[in-house]
Structure formats: structure tokens, C-alpha cells
Amino acid sequence: MSQPPALPDNESIAKAASWVQPLRSEIGRVLVGQTELVDRLLVALLTNGHVLLEGVPGLAKTLAVRTLSSCLQAKFQRIQFTPDLLPADVVGTMVYHPKDGTFTPRLGPIFANLILADEINRAPAKVQSALLEAMQERQVTLGEVTHKLPDPFLVLATQNPIDQEGTYTLPEAQLDRFLLKVRVDYPTPAEERKVLDAMATSAPKLDVSPIVDVSAITASRAIVNSLYMDDKVKDYIVALIHATRDPSPYAPHLKLLIRCGASPRGTINLALASKALAFLNGRNFVTPNDVKQLAPDILRHRVLLSYEAEAEGKTSEDVIRELLEKLPVP
């Protein structure tokens, strides 16, 4: 019988996570506040997951992703999503050579380690569907040939609120491919004063230095995968996911508000992200509080509400918050 992998001790975790604080500090030179946003981006790095950032224009969503990419020694590409964007503009196409009658692939900008999909919900559904294979299978098929995407491969997408002019609603299948949906809010007055001091110039200093190599991220992922998660915490995660599908045992009045609950992918992502958060906090085990901290970001785009909820002015955050309050914590 094979033995389970040894649980890493605190010294091993501290050594593997030695890049975390320098990376936070380097990002903090450019990005004022937004510490939770930075931590969510680090969780995505450690889990090889995709992130959807939502907020009104001007909240430094693009700046956050660009700064993170500059701190990593990895290939970065930015794709500006517009209503006239074509799938070939993202994944590439086959180019015909009339001289010899052959086709050769021209790989699109998606062939990079970090993809900034800027204003992703301004492109039509055909472009969104082109991303599905890349985001889930981490490969792209051009003609009859499948091309593997580099490792790591992360889509960090920014999205404007869907009630703004010129935006489309992302398909549920694509939303489920995102590990996290993070809402970016306005800064506090103190943070905004720091932003004013740093950025109120025609030439703000936005340069950062490469801090982390891809190999360090890969090594940290192996540590994250080996962290301990007690059976009671696993049961708590499963109970929370099932409560989004049938909240009757905990909050019967929510049943009419939920049209569709989280998928099993949500279960897997919540467990994996909780391990990553424990790693960032220097622990070799997952606590229920790790799960509770990440649950809104993991579930807000997976819990679909009914017309009754919209009529009552309820949001998915309201439903998730109430389920977390009602569900017994181990």
C-alpha cells in the first residue's frame, strides 16, 4: 500500500513561500491598498486557476494584473476585448500559402503564461466560446492540430458591471471556468490620498522588478497540494456547496431565490484555493476560516439567482453570506 505524502513542516512552508512577501511588497510599490485583491491573485497563481475581476472603470484592475505580470519572469500578453474582436484574434488561425498550397498555424496572443483579457465582457459570445477550450483544457485546436498552451497559463480577466453600455453577459459555462470572481471596490479616503500623491503626475512611476521565477511557483504548488485538510473541513465544503443547490435544511426561504447552485467544480476549487490561502498564511493545514474567507469569491459567479431574488433586490453575495451564517462550522 502506498504511503500518503509527508506533511510539510512550517520550516518547509516558510522556505517555499519566501517569494510571497517580496512579491507583495513589490506590487505594493505601485498598487495602493487592494491587499485582498493581491492575495486572490496569488491564490490563483498557486492553484493554476483563472480570475475574473469586476468593478467600475478606474479602480486599477488592469494595473494590478499588469504589475503582477511584471513581477513574474513569465511571458505576458494583453488582449483588449472589443465588440468587433474575432476568435482568430485571440487563439490564432491557419495561414494559407498559395505558392506551395500549404497551411501553417499562426498562433494568437493567447500563447503566453499570463493573459490579461481586458474588459472581457465587451466581446460577443463567439469570442467567449473560443476561450473555453483554452481555459479548461489548456490547449488550442487550429485546423486538425492541437497546440498545448505554456505552463503556467492563467487568464486574468477584467469585467465592467453588466449594466454598463456595450457589455455582454458571460455564458455560465465560461464563468464556471474562473476559479475566482473578485469584486474590486473603491479605495478608502486614506488609500485614495496615497493614490493621489503617487499618481497625480503626467509620468507616474509604475516600474517594478522581476521578483519570482516560474520554477518557484511550480515548487510552491507541490507544497500546496500536500497540505493537510481534515475530513470535517472537507465535509464542511461539501455541505456548503450542496446548500447552494438546496438551502432548505438551513434557510428554507432561500430556495425560491436560487435558480442554480454551484457545480462540483466549485467544490474542487474551494478546497484547492483554501489550501493556497493556508500556504500564504504560513500554515500546513486548512481551517474552516480559510473556507469562509474564500467562499464568496469562489461562489458568487456560480450561484445563479431566480427572478424572485432580482425582484427582492437580492444578490448572490447576500445568499452566500446567509448560508455561511446558518451552516454549522466544524
Protein backbone atom coordinates (compact mmCIF):
# COMPACT_ATOMS: atom_id res chain seq x y z
CA MET A 1 0.00 0.00 0.00
CA SER A 2 1.41 3.37 -0.97
CA GLN A 3 2.04 5.83 1.84
CA PRO A 4 0.45 9.31 1.73
CA PRO A 5 2.91 12.16 1.08
CA ALA A 6 4.59 13.56 4.18
CA LEU A 7 3.01 16.68 5.61
CA PRO A 8 5.35 19.66 5.12
CA ASP A 9 6.51 21.34 8.32
CA ASN A 10 6.41 25.08 8.96
CA GLU A 11 10.09 25.46 8.01
CA SER A 12 9.46 23.86 4.60
CA ILE A 13 6.47 26.12 4.03
CA ALA A 14 8.42 29.23 5.04
CA LYS A 15 11.21 28.28 2.61
CA ALA A 16 8.80 27.56 -0.24
CA ALA A 17 6.88 30.79 0.44
CA SER A 18 9.97 33.01 0.67
CA TRP A 19 8.92 34.76 -2.56
CA VAL A 20 5.45 35.74 -1.29
CA GLN A 21 6.31 38.75 0.87
CA PRO A 22 8.82 40.26 -1.58
CA LEU A 23 6.21 39.93 -4.32
CA ARG A 24 3.56 41.61 -2.16
CA SER A 25 5.96 44.43 -1.35
CA GLU A 26 6.94 44.96 -4.98
CA ILE A 27 3.30 45.06 -6.10
CA GLY A 28 2.54 47.42 -3.20
CA ARG A 29 5.03 49.95 -4.65
CA VAL A 30 2.56 50.54 -7.48
CA LEU A 31 -0.80 49.30 -6.23
CA VAL A 32 -2.08 51.19 -3.19
CA GLY A 33 -4.33 49.19 -0.87
CA GLN A 34 -6.18 46.30 -2.54
CA THR A 35 -4.38 43.76 -0.33
CA GLU A 36 -7.25 41.29 -0.67
CA LEU A 37 -7.10 41.57 -4.45
CA VAL A 38 -3.36 40.85 -4.43
CA ASP A 39 -3.86 37.80 -2.20
CA ARG A 40 -6.57 36.47 -4.52
CA LEU A 41 -4.21 36.83 -7.48
CA LEU A 42 -1.58 34.88 -5.53
CA VAL A 43 -4.15 32.16 -4.75
CA ALA A 44 -4.78 31.88 -8.50
CA LEU A 45 -1.05 31.58 -9.18
CA LEU A 46 -0.72 28.77 -6.64
CA THR A 47 -3.73 26.85 -7.96
CA ASN A 48 -3.21 27.46 -11.70
CA GLY A 49 -6.68 28.98 -11.81
CA HIS A 50 -8.25 31.87 -13.70
CA VAL A 51 -9.53 35.10 -12.12
CA LEU A 52 -12.35 37.43 -13.11
CA LEU A 53 -12.05 40.95 -11.70
CA GLU A 54 -15.20 43.06 -11.70
CA GLY A 55 -15.51 46.74 -10.93
CA VAL A 56 -16.27 50.10 -12.47
CA PRO A 57 -13.57 51.65 -14.69
CA GLY A 58 -10.66 53.37 -12.97
CA LEU A 59 -10.17 51.03 -9.98
CA ALA A 60 -6.73 49.76 -11.11
CA LYS A 61 -7.91 46.29 -12.22
CA THR A 62 -5.72 46.39 -15.31
CA LEU A 63 -2.86 47.96 -13.36
CA ALA A 64 -2.99 45.14 -10.79
CA VAL A 65 -2.71 42.42 -13.42
CA ARG A 66 -0.03 44.25 -15.40
CA THR A 67 2.02 44.84 -12.23
CA LEU A 68 1.76 41.18 -11.23
CA SER A 69 2.94 40.07 -14.66
CA SER A 70 5.89 42.47 -14.48
CA CYS A 71 6.95 40.91 -11.17
CA LEU A 72 6.97 37.42 -12.68
CA GLN A 73 9.62 36.17 -15.05
CA ALA A 74 6.97 34.86 -17.42
CA LYS A 75 5.53 35.73 -20.83
CA PHE A 76 2.66 38.22 -20.68
CA GLN A 77 0.09 39.21 -23.29
CA ARG A 78 -2.71 41.77 -23.11
CA ILE A 79 -5.84 41.33 -25.24
CA GLN A 80 -8.27 44.22 -25.42
CA PHE A 81 -11.75 42.77 -25.88
CA THR A 82 -13.98 44.81 -28.18
CA PRO A 83 -17.31 44.16 -29.94
CA ASP A 84 -15.55 43.56 -33.28
CA LEU A 85 -12.97 41.09 -31.93
CA LEU A 86 -12.81 37.74 -33.76
CA PRO A 87 -11.88 34.32 -32.33
CA ALA A 88 -8.82 34.21 -34.60
CA ASP A 89 -7.61 37.44 -32.99
CA VAL A 90 -7.34 35.52 -29.71
CA VAL A 91 -6.37 31.90 -30.43
CA GLY A 92 -4.78 32.28 -33.88
CA THR A 93 -5.57 30.87 -37.30
CA MET A 94 -4.28 28.80 -40.20
CA VAL A 95 -2.50 30.81 -42.89
CA TYR A 96 -2.67 29.60 -46.50
CA HIS A 97 0.43 29.82 -48.70
CA PRO A 98 -0.69 29.82 -52.35
CA LYS A 99 2.85 29.26 -53.63
CA ASP A 100 3.01 25.69 -52.36
CA GLY A 101 -0.65 25.15 -51.40
CA THR A 102 0.04 24.55 -47.70
CA PHE A 103 -1.34 25.86 -44.43
CA THR A 104 0.76 26.88 -41.42
CA PRO A 105 -0.53 27.87 -37.98
CA ARG A 106 -0.20 31.45 -36.80
CA LEU A 107 -0.52 31.28 -33.02
CA GLY A 108 -2.55 34.01 -31.35
CA PRO A 109 -1.67 36.11 -28.30
CA ILE A 110 -3.25 33.51 -26.01
CA PHE A 111 0.01 31.55 -26.17
CA ALA A 112 1.55 33.15 -23.09
CA ASN A 113 1.82 32.43 -19.36
CA LEU A 114 -0.36 35.32 -18.20
CA ILE A 115 -3.20 36.62 -20.33
CA LEU A 116 -4.81 39.92 -19.44
CA ALA A 117 -8.27 39.74 -21.01
CA ASP A 118 -9.17 43.39 -20.60
CA GLU A 119 -12.90 44.21 -20.49
CA ILE A 120 -13.71 40.62 -21.40
CA ASN A 121 -17.47 41.17 -21.42
CA ARG A 122 -17.31 43.68 -24.27
CA ALA A 123 -16.69 40.92 -26.84
CA PRO A 124 -19.51 38.81 -28.35
CA ALA A 125 -20.32 35.21 -27.47
CA LYS A 126 -18.33 33.70 -30.36
CA VAL A 127 -15.10 35.09 -28.92
CA GLN A 128 -16.04 33.92 -25.40
CA SER A 129 -16.58 30.38 -26.67
CA ALA A 130 -13.13 30.40 -28.26
CA LEU A 131 -11.67 30.78 -24.77
CA LEU A 132 -13.44 27.74 -23.29
CA GLU A 133 -11.07 25.07 -24.60
CA ALA A 134 -8.04 27.17 -23.72
CA MET A 135 -9.20 27.91 -20.17
CA GLN A 136 -10.26 24.37 -19.29
CA GLU A 137 -8.08 22.07 -21.41
CA ARG A 138 -5.13 24.45 -21.69
CA GLN A 139 -4.83 23.74 -25.38
CA VAL A 140 -5.95 25.28 -28.66
CA THR A 141 -7.00 23.43 -31.81
CA LEU A 142 -6.18 25.10 -35.12
CA GLY A 143 -7.27 23.11 -38.14
CA GLU A 144 -6.61 19.48 -37.24
CA VAL A 145 -3.68 20.13 -34.92
CA THR A 146 -3.90 20.69 -31.16
CA HIS A 147 -1.34 23.05 -29.64
CA LYS A 148 -0.54 22.91 -25.93
CA LEU A 149 -0.51 26.19 -24.04
CA PRO A 150 2.52 27.04 -21.85
CA ASP A 151 2.64 26.20 -18.17
CA PRO A 152 1.66 28.14 -16.14
CA PHE A 153 -1.30 29.52 -18.10
CA LEU A 154 -3.60 31.97 -16.34
CA VAL A 155 -6.37 34.11 -17.73
CA LEU A 156 -6.75 37.24 -15.60
CA ALA A 157 -9.84 38.95 -16.95
CA THR A 158 -11.31 42.33 -16.09
CA GLN A 159 -15.02 42.98 -16.43
CA ASN A 160 -17.19 46.06 -16.18
CA PRO A 161 -20.56 45.72 -14.41
CA ILE A 162 -23.06 44.24 -16.87
CA ASP A 163 -25.45 47.19 -16.64
CA GLN A 164 -22.89 49.44 -18.34
CA GLU A 165 -23.17 50.40 -22.01
CA GLY A 166 -21.71 47.95 -24.54
CA THR A 167 -21.32 44.93 -22.23
CA TYR A 168 -22.43 41.32 -22.72
CA THR A 169 -23.32 38.74 -20.09
CA LEU A 170 -20.69 35.98 -19.99
CA PRO A 171 -22.02 32.43 -20.58
CA GLU A 172 -22.47 30.33 -17.42
CA ALA A 173 -20.12 27.67 -18.83
CA GLN A 174 -17.35 30.22 -19.16
CA LEU A 175 -17.98 31.79 -15.76
CA ASP A 176 -17.59 28.34 -14.17
CA ARG A 177 -14.07 28.13 -15.64
CA PHE A 178 -12.95 31.03 -13.46
CA LEU A 179 -11.56 29.95 -10.11
CA LEU A 180 -12.42 33.30 -8.51
CA LYS A 181 -14.64 36.25 -9.26
CA VAL A 182 -13.29 39.17 -7.25
CA ARG A 183 -15.22 42.39 -6.83
CA VAL A 184 -12.93 45.43 -6.80
CA ASP A 185 -14.35 48.27 -4.75
CA TYR A 186 -13.48 51.93 -4.28
CA PRO A 187 -10.44 52.73 -2.09
CA THR A 188 -10.80 54.24 1.35
CA PRO A 189 -10.17 58.01 1.72
CA ALA A 190 -6.72 57.31 3.19
CA GLU A 191 -5.82 54.96 0.34
CA GLU A 192 -7.13 57.39 -2.25
CA ARG A 193 -4.95 60.14 -0.79
CA LYS A 194 -1.92 57.87 -1.30
CA VAL A 195 -3.06 57.22 -4.86
CA LEU A 196 -3.27 60.98 -5.43
CA ASP A 197 0.23 61.54 -4.07
CA ALA A 198 1.70 58.75 -6.21
CA MET A 199 -0.23 59.11 -9.45
CA ALA A 200 -1.15 62.80 -9.84
CA THR A 201 1.64 63.40 -12.33
CA SER A 202 1.99 63.11 -16.09
CA ALA A 203 4.67 60.43 -15.62
CA PRO A 204 3.81 58.18 -12.65
CA LYS A 205 6.46 55.64 -11.63
CA LEU A 206 4.93 52.26 -12.49
CA ASP A 207 8.11 50.23 -12.98
CA VAL A 208 8.62 47.08 -10.89
CA SER A 209 11.36 44.48 -10.85
CA PRO A 210 11.00 40.75 -11.62
CA ILE A 211 10.79 39.02 -8.24
CA VAL A 212 9.63 35.46 -8.89
CA ASP A 213 10.69 32.81 -11.36
CA VAL A 214 8.15 30.34 -12.76
CA SER A 215 10.05 27.44 -11.17
CA ALA A 216 9.40 28.89 -7.68
CA ILE A 217 5.65 28.97 -8.41
CA THR A 218 5.73 25.35 -9.59
CA ALA A 219 7.61 24.24 -6.48
CA SER A 220 5.12 26.08 -4.25
CA ARG A 221 2.21 24.36 -5.98
CA ALA A 222 3.61 20.97 -4.99
CA ILE A 223 3.68 22.13 -1.35
CA VAL A 224 0.12 23.48 -1.58
CA ASN A 225 -1.16 20.15 -2.91
CA SER A 226 0.32 18.32 0.07
CA LEU A 227 -1.21 20.49 2.82
CA TYR A 228 -3.49 18.76 5.31
CA MET A 229 -7.25 19.13 5.13
CA ASP A 230 -9.25 17.43 7.88
CA ASP A 231 -12.27 15.33 6.95
CA LYS A 232 -14.51 17.72 8.89
CA VAL A 233 -13.31 20.64 6.74
CA LYS A 234 -13.94 18.59 3.59
CA ASP A 235 -17.44 17.78 4.82
CA TYR A 236 -17.99 21.47 5.55
CA ILE A 237 -17.04 22.38 1.97
CA VAL A 238 -19.37 19.74 0.53
CA ALA A 239 -22.20 20.84 2.84
CA LEU A 240 -21.76 24.47 1.76
CA ILE A 241 -21.81 23.59 -1.95
CA HIS A 242 -24.91 21.42 -1.50
CA ALA A 243 -26.59 24.22 0.44
CA THR A 244 -26.31 26.42 -2.66
CA ARG A 245 -28.35 23.79 -4.52
CA ASP A 246 -30.83 23.02 -1.77
CA PRO A 247 -30.76 25.51 1.12
CA SER A 248 -33.91 24.06 2.74
CA PRO A 249 -32.15 22.46 5.77
CA TYR A 250 -30.53 25.77 6.74
CA ALA A 251 -32.53 28.64 5.24
CA PRO A 252 -35.77 27.39 3.59
CA HIS A 253 -36.74 30.86 2.39
CA LEU A 254 -33.67 30.93 0.10
CA LYS A 255 -34.92 28.02 -2.01
CA LEU A 256 -37.11 30.26 -4.16
CA LEU A 257 -34.25 32.71 -4.65
CA ILE A 258 -31.72 30.24 -6.12
CA ARG A 259 -32.15 29.13 -9.72
CA CYS A 260 -28.95 27.09 -9.95
CA GLY A 261 -26.34 26.17 -7.35
CA ALA A 262 -22.60 25.64 -7.61
CA SER A 263 -21.17 22.79 -9.67
CA PRO A 264 -18.71 20.12 -8.46
CA ARG A 265 -16.01 22.30 -9.99
CA GLY A 266 -16.88 24.79 -7.26
CA THR A 267 -16.26 22.08 -4.63
CA ILE A 268 -12.84 21.27 -6.05
CA ASN A 269 -11.86 24.92 -6.47
CA LEU A 270 -12.92 25.88 -2.94
CA ALA A 271 -10.82 23.08 -1.45
CA LEU A 272 -7.76 23.87 -3.57
CA ALA A 273 -7.99 27.63 -3.02
CA SER A 274 -8.33 27.08 0.74
CA LYS A 275 -5.06 25.16 0.71
CA ALA A 276 -3.41 28.01 -1.19
CA LEU A 277 -4.66 30.55 1.37
CA ALA A 278 -3.32 28.39 4.21
CA PHE A 279 0.04 28.33 2.43
CA LEU A 280 0.06 32.12 2.09
CA ASN A 281 -0.64 32.35 5.83
CA GLY A 282 2.28 30.01 6.62
CA ARG A 283 0.22 27.02 7.79
CA ASN A 284 0.40 23.37 6.76
CA PHE A 285 -3.29 22.75 7.41
CA VAL A 286 -6.60 24.26 6.29
CA THR A 287 -9.07 25.81 8.73
CA PRO A 288 -12.81 26.44 8.28
CA ASN A 289 -11.99 30.15 8.32
CA ASP A 290 -9.94 29.71 5.13
CA VAL A 291 -13.04 28.25 3.51
CA LYS A 292 -15.28 31.06 4.77
CA GLN A 293 -12.89 33.76 3.55
CA LEU A 294 -12.77 32.39 0.02
CA ALA A 295 -16.37 31.16 -0.33
CA PRO A 296 -17.80 34.47 -1.66
CA ASP A 297 -15.12 34.76 -4.37
CA ILE A 298 -15.46 31.09 -5.36
CA LEU A 299 -19.27 31.00 -5.38
CA ARG A 300 -20.60 34.45 -6.39
CA HIS A 301 -20.43 33.61 -10.11
CA ARG A 302 -21.64 30.05 -9.63
CA VAL A 303 -24.83 30.72 -7.67
CA LEU A 304 -27.45 31.88 -10.16
CA LEU A 305 -30.48 33.67 -8.76
CA SER A 306 -34.13 33.48 -9.74
CA TYR A 307 -36.40 36.29 -10.88
CA GLU A 308 -37.83 36.40 -7.34
CA ALA A 309 -34.37 37.25 -5.98
CA GLU A 310 -33.91 40.01 -8.53
CA ALA A 311 -37.35 41.40 -7.68
CA GLU A 312 -36.39 41.49 -4.00
CA GLY A 313 -33.06 43.14 -4.78
CA LYS A 314 -31.03 40.18 -3.51
CA THR A 315 -27.56 39.40 -4.82
CA SER A 316 -25.58 36.17 -4.85
CA GLU A 317 -23.39 37.67 -2.10
CA ASP A 318 -26.47 38.05 0.11
CA VAL A 319 -27.38 34.39 -0.39
CA ILE A 320 -23.84 33.13 0.21
CA ARG A 321 -23.45 35.30 3.31
CA GLU A 322 -26.64 33.93 4.83
CA LEU A 323 -25.67 30.34 4.07
CA LEU A 324 -22.29 30.87 5.76
CA GLU A 325 -24.08 32.27 8.81
CA LYS A 326 -26.58 29.40 9.02
CA LEU A 327 -24.26 26.48 8.21
CA PRO A 328 -22.68 24.85 11.29
CA VAL A 329 -18.91 25.39 11.37
CA PRO A 330 -16.76 22.40 12.43
